[in-house]
C-alpha cells in the first residue's frame, strides 16, 4: 500500500490524498461503506461500484462466524469471493468487544449509554460484561449463532484477517464503552497497546496493517494512545471509540489524536459518518471513515436528499410522481419515482430497500466528492 498527500489545506487539517493498493487507487478523503458479511446489503458488487464507492470494509468477527475464513480463503480470498475488484478493509473484531459486551448489557445504543452517563453511572476498573470475558490475552465470546465459545486475541484476529485477504487490516483492540471511567480506560489502553505490538509481530502477509488509537473521551489517554500507536511501524492508523456528545467536541477530540500521528500515513475514523459529521471530521484531518448510515437508513425507508431526510414509507409519497431527488443524477433518480418507491416499501418488497440503498450511497459519495472539491478550491 502507498499513500500520497496531494494537497494540504491552509484553513484546516483537511488534506487530499491517493491511497494505492493492489486493487486500485482511492481518492481521499472518502467514505468507506460497510459490507459486514462481504456484501453491501441488497446490492451486488457491480451496483456498489456504480454508487461511486471506492473501498469497502467487512467485518472480521461475522465472517469468522459465517461462512468462516477458511471458506473465504478457499474461494480465492474476499475480493474473488464477493466479486469486488476495488480495495477492501477488514476490521479486527474489536468493535464486537463493545457491542457484544457492555453495549449489550446497557442496551447497545450509544445514546442509551450516554443517558446512563448523565445519571452518573460508570463502568469501573476490572468490571466485566455479562456475555463476554475480556482477558489479558484476548476476548472470549459466545457465538450469537449457537452459543459456542469463541476466543479472539491479537494473534487470532490477524490470522483470520490474513485468510480473508483484504488489502487493509486492523490491529485487535478493545473498543471501550462511553460509560467507562478513566481508570477502566487506562487499563484497557494498556491491553490495546500490548495487543498492537503483538499484531505487528505475528503478521506474515503483505497486507497493510493499521493500528488503532483508543482513549475514549479522556484527552490525556487519547494523546498517550496516539503517541504510542503512532510510534509503531503501522502502515496507517484507525481512530476508534467514542467522540463526545456534540460535533465541536468530536472535532477537537479527533484533532488531539491527529496532531500526534505521523503526518505521511493515512488516518481512518472507525464508525462515524453522518452527513453532518463529514465536514467536521475531514477538516480535523481524517482521510477515510466507515459508516452504516446510508445503508442502514435505506433499509428503514429513509432517503437522504437535497430536500433533507425523507421517510419514503409515508403515504404522502404515493401521490408524488416525481424523482426521489431532482438534483441527483443516480440511476434510481433518473429511472424511478417517489410513488413507486413508496409503494414498494409499503408492500414489503426488497427492491424498495435496494433502490434507496443505491441512492443513499450515491448521495453520500457525491457529498464527500464535493468536500474534496472544496479542499481543491481552498474553501475548507
Foldseek 3Di string as FASTA:
>chain_A
DAKDWDDAFPVFRFTWIWDQFPLGIDTWPFEAEEPAQLHLPPDAQVLLVLLVHAEHEYELVVVCVPPRLQVCLVCVASCSVRVHRHAYEYEQCQVCLCQVFVLVVQVNDLVSVVVCVVVVAADEAPDTGDAKGQDLFFIWHQDPVPGDTDTDGQLNSLVSCVSNPGQEYEGHAHQDHLRHDQNNLVVRLVSLLVSLVVNVVNHDDPHFYAYEQERALDLVRSLVRLQSSQVDPGQAYEYHYDQDDDLVSNLVSLLSNCVNHDLRHAYEYEADDDLVNVLSNSSSNHIYYYHPVQLVVLVQQWAQEPVGIDRLLDPVQLPWQAFPYPVDDRPRRVPGGSNVLNVCVPVVHSVSSSSSSSRSSSVSRVSRVVVVVCSVVSND
